Amino acid sequence: MVQVVTKQVFRLPKTVTGHVTCKTTLTRDGIWALTVGIVDPGWDAPIATTLLNFGKVDHVVQIGDKFLRVSFFEHAEVEEKFRRTKPNELNGYINSVRKNAAAFFPKTFLDTKKISQEAGETAVRGIRNQFAVWLPVVAVLFAVLQLFVAFAPSYLPGWGGASLEQLHEVEAELQMLRVEVDQLENYIEANAPP
């Protein structure tokens, strides 16, 4: 993006309006003028515009390059109250063009690489901040869940573990089986051949 100002000073009478367009040869190269349009009746100054490079390659702009085309239209005189005031002087006009370009266009204007990089960094920062907030909460919830899974079966029947009553029944059956095994071993010893 570059701000350009015509070398020519347009001294339009109160009965002429200019219509400004970007030169076709520039648009074929991917260069577009951002602020083309109307030159007001009575305008007595150069014309400034912003050239944007939408092309794939750099485009050098040099002093003396032609960048605009102007068509003039005659009409009835425009009253003073409807005319734009002209700039005070040429250097003041050029300086105001520079100042506006520096003040109002961001450094990343149409810089897709820089814009996407800044957007990515902003997104990562947001995710990192959210992660820092939610990580302790998730850790606490996970710890509570582990404790619940470890101890809930003992206190809540039907949660996948045996109740205390069931454990006592299994213990009693085990003791009865031990008694029966002992009796079988004694029987086998007593009836074993010599």
N, C-alpha and C. Protein backbone atom coordinates (compact mmCIF):
# COMPACT_ATOMS: atom_id res chain seq x y z
N MET A 1 0.86 -1.16 0.00
CA MET A 1 0.00 0.00 0.00
C MET A 1 0.90 1.23 0.00
N VAL A 2 0.54 2.21 -0.82
CA VAL A 2 1.30 3.45 -0.86
C VAL A 2 0.33 4.60 -1.12
N GLN A 3 0.62 5.72 -0.50
CA GLN A 3 -0.18 6.93 -0.71
C GLN A 3 0.52 7.74 -1.80
N VAL A 4 -0.22 8.12 -2.85
CA VAL A 4 0.36 8.88 -3.96
C VAL A 4 -0.41 10.18 -4.16
N VAL A 5 0.28 11.20 -4.69
CA VAL A 5 -0.32 12.51 -4.95
C VAL A 5 0.09 12.92 -6.36
N THR A 6 -0.87 13.46 -7.11
CA THR A 6 -0.56 13.89 -8.48
C THR A 6 0.39 15.08 -8.47
N LYS A 7 1.21 15.14 -9.52
CA LYS A 7 2.10 16.29 -9.70
C LYS A 7 1.26 17.50 -10.15
N GLN A 8 0.22 17.22 -10.93
CA GLN A 8 -0.63 18.28 -11.46
C GLN A 8 -1.53 18.84 -10.36
N VAL A 9 -1.71 20.15 -10.39
CA VAL A 9 -2.68 20.79 -9.51
C VAL A 9 -3.93 21.02 -10.35
N PHE A 10 -5.05 20.55 -9.87
CA PHE A 10 -6.31 20.69 -10.60
C PHE A 10 -6.99 21.99 -10.16
N ARG A 11 -7.16 22.88 -11.12
CA ARG A 11 -7.84 24.16 -10.84
C ARG A 11 -9.15 24.13 -11.60
N LEU A 12 -10.13 23.48 -11.01
CA LEU A 12 -11.41 23.33 -11.69
C LEU A 12 -12.29 24.57 -11.47
N PRO A 13 -12.94 25.00 -12.53
CA PRO A 13 -13.90 26.09 -12.33
C PRO A 13 -15.12 25.58 -11.58
N LYS A 14 -15.99 26.48 -11.18
CA LYS A 14 -17.18 26.11 -10.42
C LYS A 14 -18.21 25.39 -11.27
N THR A 15 -17.92 25.24 -12.57
CA THR A 15 -18.86 24.59 -13.50
C THR A 15 -18.35 23.25 -14.00
N VAL A 16 -17.28 22.72 -13.40
CA VAL A 16 -16.70 21.45 -13.86
C VAL A 16 -16.47 20.53 -12.67
N THR A 17 -16.84 19.24 -12.85
CA THR A 17 -16.56 18.19 -11.88
C THR A 17 -15.69 17.15 -12.56
N GLY A 18 -14.72 16.62 -11.85
CA GLY A 18 -13.88 15.57 -12.40
C GLY A 18 -14.25 14.20 -11.82
N HIS A 19 -14.12 13.19 -12.67
CA HIS A 19 -14.33 11.81 -12.22
C HIS A 19 -13.01 11.07 -12.42
N VAL A 20 -12.46 10.53 -11.32
CA VAL A 20 -11.13 9.93 -11.34
C VAL A 20 -11.23 8.41 -11.26
N THR A 21 -10.44 7.73 -12.10
CA THR A 21 -10.35 6.27 -12.04
C THR A 21 -8.88 5.87 -12.08
N CYS A 22 -8.59 4.67 -11.66
CA CYS A 22 -7.23 4.12 -11.71
C CYS A 22 -6.93 3.72 -13.15
N LYS A 23 -5.69 3.90 -13.57
CA LYS A 23 -5.32 3.51 -14.93
C LYS A 23 -5.49 2.01 -15.12
N THR A 24 -6.02 1.64 -16.26
CA THR A 24 -6.28 0.23 -16.57
C THR A 24 -5.01 -0.60 -16.53
N THR A 25 -3.90 -0.03 -17.01
CA THR A 25 -2.65 -0.81 -17.00
C THR A 25 -2.25 -1.19 -15.59
N LEU A 26 -2.54 -0.34 -14.61
CA LEU A 26 -2.23 -0.68 -13.22
C LEU A 26 -3.15 -1.79 -12.71
N THR A 27 -4.44 -1.69 -13.02
CA THR A 27 -5.37 -2.71 -12.53
C THR A 27 -5.04 -4.08 -13.12
N ARG A 28 -4.54 -4.10 -14.35
CA ARG A 28 -4.13 -5.39 -14.94
C ARG A 28 -2.96 -6.00 -14.16
N ASP A 29 -2.14 -5.15 -13.55
CA ASP A 29 -1.00 -5.63 -12.75
C ASP A 29 -1.39 -5.90 -11.30
N GLY A 30 -2.67 -5.77 -10.96
CA GLY A 30 -3.12 -6.03 -9.60
C GLY A 30 -3.06 -4.82 -8.69
N ILE A 31 -2.86 -3.63 -9.24
CA ILE A 31 -2.80 -2.40 -8.45
C ILE A 31 -4.14 -1.70 -8.56
N TRP A 32 -4.75 -1.43 -7.43
CA TRP A 32 -6.04 -0.73 -7.39
C TRP A 32 -5.91 0.54 -6.59
N ALA A 33 -6.67 1.54 -7.00
CA ALA A 33 -6.69 2.80 -6.25
C ALA A 33 -7.87 2.75 -5.28
N LEU A 34 -7.61 3.04 -4.03
CA LEU A 34 -8.64 2.92 -3.00
C LEU A 34 -9.62 4.08 -2.98
N THR A 35 -9.12 5.29 -3.18
CA THR A 35 -9.99 6.45 -2.98
C THR A 35 -10.22 7.25 -4.27
N VAL A 36 -10.44 6.56 -5.37
CA VAL A 36 -10.76 7.29 -6.60
C VAL A 36 -12.21 7.73 -6.52
N GLY A 37 -12.54 8.75 -7.28
CA GLY A 37 -13.92 9.22 -7.24
C GLY A 37 -14.07 10.59 -7.84
N ILE A 38 -14.58 11.51 -7.09
CA ILE A 38 -14.99 12.82 -7.58
C ILE A 38 -13.97 13.90 -7.22
N VAL A 39 -13.69 14.77 -8.21
CA VAL A 39 -12.94 16.00 -7.96
C VAL A 39 -13.99 17.10 -7.98
N ASP A 40 -14.16 17.77 -6.87
CA ASP A 40 -15.25 18.74 -6.71
C ASP A 40 -15.05 20.00 -7.56
N PRO A 41 -16.16 20.61 -7.96
CA PRO A 41 -16.07 21.89 -8.67
C PRO A 41 -15.36 22.91 -7.78
N GLY A 42 -14.46 23.71 -8.38
CA GLY A 42 -13.72 24.70 -7.64
C GLY A 42 -12.49 24.15 -6.94
N TRP A 43 -12.21 22.83 -7.06
CA TRP A 43 -11.04 22.23 -6.41
C TRP A 43 -9.77 22.84 -6.99
N ASP A 44 -8.86 23.23 -6.12
CA ASP A 44 -7.62 23.88 -6.55
C ASP A 44 -6.46 23.24 -5.80
N ALA A 45 -6.15 22.00 -6.14
CA ALA A 45 -5.10 21.26 -5.45
C ALA A 45 -4.81 19.98 -6.23
N PRO A 46 -3.78 19.24 -5.85
CA PRO A 46 -3.55 17.94 -6.48
C PRO A 46 -4.61 16.94 -6.00
N ILE A 47 -4.53 15.72 -6.53
CA ILE A 47 -5.43 14.64 -6.11
C ILE A 47 -4.56 13.56 -5.47
N ALA A 48 -5.00 13.06 -4.35
CA ALA A 48 -4.28 11.99 -3.65
C ALA A 48 -5.13 10.74 -3.64
N THR A 49 -4.47 9.60 -3.65
CA THR A 49 -5.16 8.33 -3.52
C THR A 49 -4.23 7.31 -2.88
N THR A 50 -4.79 6.20 -2.51
CA THR A 50 -4.02 5.09 -1.95
C THR A 50 -3.99 3.98 -2.98
N LEU A 51 -2.82 3.54 -3.36
CA LEU A 51 -2.68 2.42 -4.28
C LEU A 51 -2.44 1.15 -3.47
N LEU A 52 -3.21 0.11 -3.79
CA LEU A 52 -3.09 -1.18 -3.10
C LEU A 52 -2.58 -2.22 -4.08
N ASN A 53 -1.63 -3.02 -3.65
CA ASN A 53 -1.11 -4.08 -4.50
C ASN A 53 -1.80 -5.40 -4.14
N PHE A 54 -2.70 -5.83 -5.02
CA PHE A 54 -3.37 -7.11 -4.85
C PHE A 54 -2.67 -8.20 -5.67
N GLY A 55 -1.59 -7.83 -6.34
CA GLY A 55 -0.85 -8.78 -7.18
C GLY A 55 0.01 -9.71 -6.36
N LYS A 56 0.64 -10.64 -7.07
CA LYS A 56 1.49 -11.64 -6.41
C LYS A 56 2.93 -11.18 -6.28
N VAL A 57 3.29 -10.10 -6.99
CA VAL A 57 4.67 -9.62 -6.95
C VAL A 57 4.70 -8.16 -6.52
N ASP A 58 5.86 -7.72 -6.05
CA ASP A 58 6.02 -6.31 -5.68
C ASP A 58 5.88 -5.44 -6.92
N HIS A 59 5.38 -4.25 -6.72
CA HIS A 59 5.22 -3.28 -7.81
C HIS A 59 5.87 -1.98 -7.36
N VAL A 60 6.86 -1.53 -8.11
CA VAL A 60 7.59 -0.32 -7.75
C VAL A 60 6.82 0.90 -8.26
N VAL A 61 6.64 1.87 -7.37
CA VAL A 61 6.01 3.14 -7.74
C VAL A 61 7.09 4.21 -7.65
N GLN A 62 7.26 4.96 -8.75
CA GLN A 62 8.30 5.98 -8.80
C GLN A 62 7.69 7.34 -9.09
N ILE A 63 8.42 8.37 -8.74
CA ILE A 63 7.99 9.72 -9.07
C ILE A 63 7.87 9.82 -10.59
N GLY A 64 6.75 10.37 -11.02
CA GLY A 64 6.50 10.53 -12.46
C GLY A 64 5.61 9.44 -13.04
N ASP A 65 5.39 8.34 -12.32
CA ASP A 65 4.49 7.29 -12.82
C ASP A 65 3.07 7.83 -12.94
N LYS A 66 2.39 7.40 -13.98
CA LYS A 66 0.99 7.79 -14.17
C LYS A 66 0.13 6.75 -13.46
N PHE A 67 -0.84 7.22 -12.67
CA PHE A 67 -1.64 6.27 -11.91
C PHE A 67 -3.14 6.53 -11.98
N LEU A 68 -3.56 7.73 -12.46
CA LEU A 68 -4.98 8.04 -12.52
C LEU A 68 -5.39 8.51 -13.90
N ARG A 69 -6.66 8.39 -14.16
CA ARG A 69 -7.28 8.93 -15.37
C ARG A 69 -8.44 9.80 -14.89
N VAL A 70 -8.59 10.99 -15.48
CA VAL A 70 -9.63 11.92 -15.05
C VAL A 70 -10.51 12.29 -16.24
N SER A 71 -11.82 12.22 -16.03
CA SER A 71 -12.80 12.71 -17.02
C SER A 71 -13.46 13.93 -16.41
N PHE A 72 -13.73 14.95 -17.25
CA PHE A 72 -14.34 16.19 -16.75
C PHE A 72 -15.74 16.35 -17.31
N PHE A 73 -16.63 16.86 -16.47
CA PHE A 73 -18.03 17.06 -16.86
C PHE A 73 -18.43 18.50 -16.55
N GLU A 74 -18.99 19.15 -17.59
CA GLU A 74 -19.47 20.52 -17.39
C GLU A 74 -20.90 20.49 -16.89
N HIS A 75 -21.25 21.48 -16.08
CA HIS A 75 -22.59 21.60 -15.52
C HIS A 75 -22.81 23.02 -15.08
N ALA A 76 -23.99 23.29 -14.55
CA ALA A 76 -24.28 24.63 -14.04
C ALA A 76 -23.37 24.92 -12.86
N GLU A 77 -23.14 26.18 -12.58
CA GLU A 77 -22.26 26.57 -11.49
C GLU A 77 -22.81 26.07 -10.15
N VAL A 78 -21.90 25.51 -9.33
CA VAL A 78 -22.26 25.02 -8.01
C VAL A 78 -22.11 26.17 -7.02
N GLU A 79 -23.14 26.36 -6.21
CA GLU A 79 -23.10 27.45 -5.23
C GLU A 79 -21.96 27.25 -4.23
N GLU A 80 -21.49 28.33 -3.71
CA GLU A 80 -20.37 28.33 -2.75
C GLU A 80 -20.63 27.41 -1.56
N LYS A 81 -21.85 27.43 -1.03
CA LYS A 81 -22.15 26.64 0.18
C LYS A 81 -22.06 25.13 -0.05
N PHE A 82 -22.11 24.68 -1.32
CA PHE A 82 -22.03 23.25 -1.62
C PHE A 82 -20.64 22.80 -2.06
N ARG A 83 -19.71 23.75 -2.20
CA ARG A 83 -18.37 23.39 -2.66
C ARG A 83 -17.47 23.07 -1.48
N ARG A 84 -16.52 22.15 -1.71
CA ARG A 84 -15.51 21.85 -0.69
C ARG A 84 -14.52 22.98 -0.63
N THR A 85 -14.03 23.21 0.56
CA THR A 85 -12.99 24.23 0.69
C THR A 85 -11.67 23.64 0.21
N LYS A 86 -10.90 24.44 -0.47
CA LYS A 86 -9.63 23.95 -0.99
C LYS A 86 -8.59 23.94 0.13
N PRO A 87 -7.55 23.12 -0.01
CA PRO A 87 -6.49 23.10 0.99
C PRO A 87 -5.79 24.46 1.04
N ASN A 88 -5.19 24.74 2.20
CA ASN A 88 -4.51 26.03 2.36
C ASN A 88 -3.36 26.20 1.38
N GLU A 89 -2.51 25.21 1.27
CA GLU A 89 -1.37 25.29 0.36
C GLU A 89 -0.91 23.87 0.04
N LEU A 90 -0.14 23.73 -1.02
CA LEU A 90 0.24 22.43 -1.55
C LEU A 90 0.99 21.57 -0.54
N ASN A 91 2.00 22.11 0.12
CA ASN A 91 2.76 21.31 1.09
C ASN A 91 1.89 20.87 2.26
N GLY A 92 0.99 21.75 2.70
CA GLY A 92 0.07 21.38 3.77
C GLY A 92 -0.84 20.24 3.35
N TYR A 93 -1.31 20.27 2.09
CA TYR A 93 -2.16 19.20 1.57
C TYR A 93 -1.40 17.87 1.54
N ILE A 94 -0.18 17.89 1.02
CA ILE A 94 0.62 16.66 0.93
C ILE A 94 0.94 16.13 2.33
N ASN A 95 1.27 17.03 3.24
CA ASN A 95 1.54 16.59 4.61
C ASN A 95 0.31 15.99 5.27
N SER A 96 -0.88 16.55 4.99
CA SER A 96 -2.11 15.98 5.58
C SER A 96 -2.39 14.60 5.00
N VAL A 97 -2.05 14.39 3.71
CA VAL A 97 -2.21 13.07 3.09
C VAL A 97 -1.29 12.07 3.80
N ARG A 98 -0.03 12.46 4.01
CA ARG A 98 0.92 11.58 4.72
C ARG A 98 0.45 11.28 6.14
N LYS A 99 0.00 12.31 6.82
CA LYS A 99 -0.44 12.16 8.22
C LYS A 99 -1.63 11.20 8.31
N ASN A 100 -2.59 11.37 7.41
CA ASN A 100 -3.77 10.48 7.41
C ASN A 100 -3.37 9.04 7.12
N ALA A 101 -2.45 8.85 6.17
CA ALA A 101 -2.01 7.48 5.85
C ALA A 101 -1.36 6.84 7.06
N ALA A 102 -0.52 7.60 7.75
CA ALA A 102 0.18 7.05 8.92
C ALA A 102 -0.77 6.82 10.09
N ALA A 103 -1.78 7.68 10.22
CA ALA A 103 -2.66 7.61 11.39
C ALA A 103 -3.79 6.60 11.23
N PHE A 104 -4.32 6.42 10.02
CA PHE A 104 -5.56 5.65 9.88
C PHE A 104 -5.38 4.27 9.28
N PHE A 105 -4.30 4.00 8.59
CA PHE A 105 -4.11 2.67 8.01
C PHE A 105 -3.23 1.85 8.94
N PRO A 106 -3.70 0.68 9.38
CA PRO A 106 -2.86 -0.14 10.25
C PRO A 106 -1.68 -0.70 9.47
N LYS A 107 -0.63 -1.05 10.19
CA LYS A 107 0.56 -1.60 9.54
C LYS A 107 0.26 -2.94 8.88
N THR A 108 -0.76 -3.63 9.35
CA THR A 108 -1.09 -4.94 8.79
C THR A 108 -2.18 -4.85 7.73
N PHE A 109 -2.51 -3.65 7.26
CA PHE A 109 -3.59 -3.48 6.28
C PHE A 109 -3.32 -4.35 5.06
N LEU A 110 -4.19 -5.32 4.82
CA LEU A 110 -4.12 -6.26 3.70
C LEU A 110 -2.86 -7.12 3.71
N ASP A 111 -2.16 -7.20 4.83
CA ASP A 111 -1.00 -8.07 4.96
C ASP A 111 -1.50 -9.38 5.55
N THR A 112 -1.96 -10.27 4.69
CA THR A 112 -2.62 -11.50 5.15
C THR A 112 -1.70 -12.36 6.01
N LYS A 113 -0.41 -12.38 5.69
CA LYS A 113 0.51 -13.19 6.48
C LYS A 113 0.60 -12.65 7.91
N LYS A 114 0.76 -11.34 8.04
CA LYS A 114 0.88 -10.72 9.37
C LYS A 114 -0.45 -10.83 10.12
N ILE A 115 -1.57 -10.60 9.41
CA ILE A 115 -2.89 -10.69 10.05
C ILE A 115 -3.13 -12.10 10.58
N SER A 116 -2.83 -13.12 9.75
CA SER A 116 -3.07 -14.49 10.20
C SER A 116 -2.13 -14.86 11.35
N GLN A 117 -0.90 -14.36 11.31
CA GLN A 117 0.04 -14.63 12.41
C GLN A 117 -0.48 -14.02 13.71
N GLU A 118 -0.93 -12.77 13.65
CA GLU A 118 -1.44 -12.12 14.86
C GLU A 118 -2.72 -12.80 15.35
N ALA A 119 -3.58 -13.22 14.41
CA ALA A 119 -4.81 -13.92 14.80
C ALA A 119 -4.47 -15.25 15.48
N GLY A 120 -3.50 -15.97 14.93
CA GLY A 120 -3.08 -17.24 15.53
C GLY A 120 -2.51 -17.05 16.92
N GLU A 121 -1.67 -16.01 17.07
CA GLU A 121 -1.09 -15.74 18.39
C GLU A 121 -2.17 -15.37 19.40
N THR A 122 -3.15 -14.60 18.96
CA THR A 122 -4.25 -14.22 19.85
C THR A 122 -5.05 -15.46 20.25
N ALA A 123 -5.32 -16.34 19.30
CA ALA A 123 -6.08 -17.56 19.60
C ALA A 123 -5.32 -18.45 20.57
N VAL A 124 -4.02 -18.62 20.34
CA VAL A 124 -3.21 -19.46 21.23
C VAL A 124 -3.18 -18.87 22.63
N ARG A 125 -3.02 -17.53 22.71
CA ARG A 125 -3.04 -16.89 24.03
C ARG A 125 -4.36 -17.14 24.74
N GLY A 126 -5.47 -17.04 24.00
CA GLY A 126 -6.78 -17.28 24.60
C GLY A 126 -6.93 -18.72 25.08
N ILE A 127 -6.47 -19.66 24.26
CA ILE A 127 -6.55 -21.08 24.65
C ILE A 127 -5.68 -21.34 25.87
N ARG A 128 -4.46 -20.75 25.86
CA ARG A 128 -3.55 -20.93 26.99
C ARG A 128 -4.16 -20.37 28.27
N ASN A 129 -4.79 -19.20 28.17
CA ASN A 129 -5.43 -18.61 29.35
C ASN A 129 -6.59 -19.47 29.84
N GLN A 130 -7.40 -19.98 28.92
CA GLN A 130 -8.51 -20.86 29.30
C GLN A 130 -7.98 -22.15 29.92
N PHE A 131 -6.90 -22.68 29.35
CA PHE A 131 -6.30 -23.90 29.87
C PHE A 131 -5.81 -23.69 31.29
N ALA A 132 -5.18 -22.53 31.53
CA ALA A 132 -4.67 -22.23 32.87
C ALA A 132 -5.79 -22.14 33.89
N VAL A 133 -6.97 -21.70 33.46
CA VAL A 133 -8.11 -21.58 34.37
C VAL A 133 -8.74 -22.96 34.61
N TRP A 134 -8.92 -23.74 33.54
CA TRP A 134 -9.65 -25.00 33.65
C TRP A 134 -8.82 -26.18 34.11
N LEU A 135 -7.50 -26.13 33.93
CA LEU A 135 -6.67 -27.27 34.33
C LEU A 135 -6.81 -27.62 35.80
N PRO A 136 -6.71 -26.66 36.73
CA PRO A 136 -6.89 -27.02 38.15
C PRO A 136 -8.29 -27.57 38.44
N VAL A 137 -9.29 -27.02 37.79
CA VAL A 137 -10.67 -27.49 38.02
C VAL A 137 -10.80 -28.94 37.56
N VAL A 138 -10.27 -29.24 36.39
CA VAL A 138 -10.34 -30.61 35.86
C VAL A 138 -9.53 -31.55 36.75
N ALA A 139 -8.37 -31.11 37.23
CA ALA A 139 -7.55 -31.95 38.11
C ALA A 139 -8.30 -32.29 39.40
N VAL A 140 -8.95 -31.32 40.00
CA VAL A 140 -9.72 -31.56 41.23
C VAL A 140 -10.87 -32.52 40.94
N LEU A 141 -11.59 -32.29 39.85
CA LEU A 141 -12.71 -33.19 39.50
C LEU A 141 -12.21 -34.62 39.27
N PHE A 142 -11.06 -34.76 38.60
CA PHE A 142 -10.50 -36.07 38.35
C PHE A 142 -10.13 -36.77 39.66
N ALA A 143 -9.54 -36.03 40.59
CA ALA A 143 -9.17 -36.60 41.90
C ALA A 143 -10.41 -37.05 42.66
N VAL A 144 -11.45 -36.24 42.65
CA VAL A 144 -12.70 -36.60 43.33
C VAL A 144 -13.30 -37.84 42.68
N LEU A 145 -13.26 -37.91 41.37
CA LEU A 145 -13.79 -39.07 40.66
C LEU A 145 -13.01 -40.34 41.02
N GLN A 146 -11.69 -40.24 41.10
CA GLN A 146 -10.89 -41.40 41.49
C GLN A 146 -11.24 -41.88 42.90
N LEU A 147 -11.38 -40.96 43.81
CA LEU A 147 -11.76 -41.33 45.18
C LEU A 147 -13.14 -41.98 45.20
N PHE A 148 -14.04 -41.41 44.43
CA PHE A 148 -15.40 -41.96 44.38
C PHE A 148 -15.39 -43.38 43.83
N VAL A 149 -14.65 -43.59 42.74
CA VAL A 149 -14.59 -44.93 42.13
C VAL A 149 -13.93 -45.92 43.09
N ALA A 150 -12.94 -45.48 43.85
CA ALA A 150 -12.24 -46.39 44.76
C ALA A 150 -13.10 -46.78 45.97
N PHE A 151 -13.87 -45.84 46.51
CA PHE A 151 -14.57 -46.11 47.77
C PHE A 151 -16.08 -46.30 47.63
N ALA A 152 -16.67 -45.87 46.54
CA ALA A 152 -18.12 -45.98 46.39
C ALA A 152 -18.61 -47.42 46.42
N PRO A 153 -17.93 -48.38 45.81
CA PRO A 153 -18.44 -49.75 45.84
C PRO A 153 -18.59 -50.31 47.25
N SER A 154 -17.76 -49.89 48.17
CA SER A 154 -17.84 -50.40 49.54
C SER A 154 -19.07 -49.87 50.26
N TYR A 155 -19.47 -48.70 49.92
CA TYR A 155 -20.56 -48.06 50.65
C TYR A 155 -21.87 -48.00 49.87
N LEU A 156 -21.79 -48.19 48.58
CA LEU A 156 -23.02 -48.12 47.78
C LEU A 156 -23.22 -49.44 47.04
N PRO A 157 -24.16 -50.25 47.49
CA PRO A 157 -24.40 -51.53 46.82
C PRO A 157 -24.84 -51.29 45.38
N GLY A 158 -24.42 -52.16 44.51
CA GLY A 158 -24.82 -52.05 43.12
C GLY A 158 -23.86 -51.20 42.30
N TRP A 159 -22.76 -50.72 42.87
CA TRP A 159 -21.79 -49.90 42.14
C TRP A 159 -20.63 -50.75 41.64
N GLY A 160 -20.86 -52.00 41.41
CA GLY A 160 -19.83 -52.84 40.83
C GLY A 160 -19.03 -53.62 41.86
N GLY A 161 -19.14 -53.34 43.13
CA GLY A 161 -18.40 -54.04 44.16
C GLY A 161 -19.38 -54.80 45.06
N ALA A 162 -18.83 -55.69 45.88
CA ALA A 162 -19.67 -56.47 46.80
C ALA A 162 -19.97 -55.64 48.04
N SER A 163 -21.17 -55.86 48.57
CA SER A 163 -21.53 -55.18 49.82
C SER A 163 -20.88 -55.94 50.98
N LEU A 164 -20.89 -55.36 52.17
CA LEU A 164 -20.31 -56.02 53.35
C LEU A 164 -21.06 -57.30 53.67
N GLU A 165 -22.35 -57.26 53.49
CA GLU A 165 -23.16 -58.47 53.74
C GLU A 165 -22.75 -59.60 52.81
N GLN A 166 -22.53 -59.26 51.53
CA GLN A 166 -22.12 -60.28 50.56
C GLN A 166 -20.73 -60.82 50.92
N LEU A 167 -19.85 -59.94 51.36
CA LEU A 167 -18.52 -60.40 51.76
C LEU A 167 -18.59 -61.37 52.94
N HIS A 168 -19.47 -61.11 53.92
CA HIS A 168 -19.62 -62.01 55.07
C HIS A 168 -20.17 -63.37 54.63
N GLU A 169 -21.10 -63.36 53.67
CA GLU A 169 -21.66 -64.62 53.17
C GLU A 169 -20.57 -65.45 52.49
N VAL A 170 -19.73 -64.77 51.67
CA VAL A 170 -18.66 -65.48 50.96
C VAL A 170 -17.65 -66.02 51.98
N GLU A 171 -17.38 -65.26 53.01
CA GLU A 171 -16.45 -65.71 54.04
C GLU A 171 -16.98 -66.95 54.76
N ALA A 172 -18.26 -66.97 55.07
CA ALA A 172 -18.87 -68.12 55.76
C ALA A 172 -18.80 -69.36 54.86
N GLU A 173 -19.11 -69.18 53.56
CA GLU A 173 -19.05 -70.32 52.63
C GLU A 173 -17.63 -70.85 52.53
N LEU A 174 -16.67 -69.94 52.53
CA LEU A 174 -15.27 -70.35 52.45
C LEU A 174 -14.89 -71.20 53.67
N GLN A 175 -15.33 -70.77 54.82
CA GLN A 175 -15.01 -71.55 56.04
C GLN A 175 -15.66 -72.93 55.96
N MET A 176 -16.89 -73.02 55.46
CA MET A 176 -17.54 -74.33 55.34
C MET A 176 -16.77 -75.22 54.36
N LEU A 177 -16.27 -74.63 53.26
CA LEU A 177 -15.50 -75.42 52.29
C LEU A 177 -14.19 -75.91 52.92
N ARG A 178 -13.54 -75.10 53.74
CA ARG A 178 -12.31 -75.53 54.42
C ARG A 178 -12.59 -76.72 55.33
N VAL A 179 -13.70 -76.66 56.03
CA VAL A 179 -14.06 -77.76 56.93
C VAL A 179 -14.27 -79.03 56.10
N GLU A 180 -14.97 -78.91 54.98
CA GLU A 180 -15.23 -80.08 54.14
C GLU A 180 -13.93 -80.63 53.55
N VAL A 181 -13.01 -79.72 53.12
CA VAL A 181 -11.73 -80.18 52.58
C VAL A 181 -10.94 -80.91 53.67
N ASP A 182 -10.95 -80.37 54.89
CA ASP A 182 -10.24 -81.04 56.00
C ASP A 182 -10.83 -82.44 56.24
N GLN A 183 -12.16 -82.52 56.19
CA GLN A 183 -12.80 -83.83 56.41
C GLN A 183 -12.42 -84.82 55.31
N LEU A 184 -12.37 -84.33 54.06
CA LEU A 184 -11.99 -85.22 52.95
C LEU A 184 -10.54 -85.68 53.09
N GLU A 185 -9.66 -84.77 53.48
CA GLU A 185 -8.25 -85.16 53.66
C GLU A 185 -8.14 -86.21 54.76
N ASN A 186 -8.87 -86.03 55.86
CA ASN A 186 -8.82 -87.02 56.95
C ASN A 186 -9.37 -88.37 56.48
N TYR A 187 -10.42 -88.37 55.70
CA TYR A 187 -11.01 -89.60 55.19
C TYR A 187 -10.02 -90.34 54.29
N ILE A 188 -9.37 -89.55 53.40
CA ILE A 188 -8.41 -90.16 52.46
C ILE A 188 -7.23 -90.77 53.24
N GLU A 189 -6.76 -90.08 54.24
CA GLU A 189 -5.66 -90.61 55.04
C GLU A 189 -6.04 -91.88 55.79
N ALA A 190 -7.24 -91.84 56.29
CA ALA A 190 -7.71 -92.99 57.07
C ALA A 190 -7.96 -94.20 56.17
N ASN A 191 -8.37 -94.01 54.96
CA ASN A 191 -8.73 -95.14 54.08
C ASN A 191 -7.66 -95.42 53.03
N ALA A 192 -6.57 -94.82 53.11
CA ALA A 192 -5.51 -95.04 52.14
C ALA A 192 -4.91 -96.43 52.38
N PRO A 193 -4.56 -97.18 51.34
CA PRO A 193 -3.92 -98.49 51.51
C PRO A 193 -2.54 -98.34 52.13
N PRO A 194 -2.12 -99.34 52.87
CA PRO A 194 -0.84 -99.27 53.57
C PRO A 194 0.33 -99.44 52.68
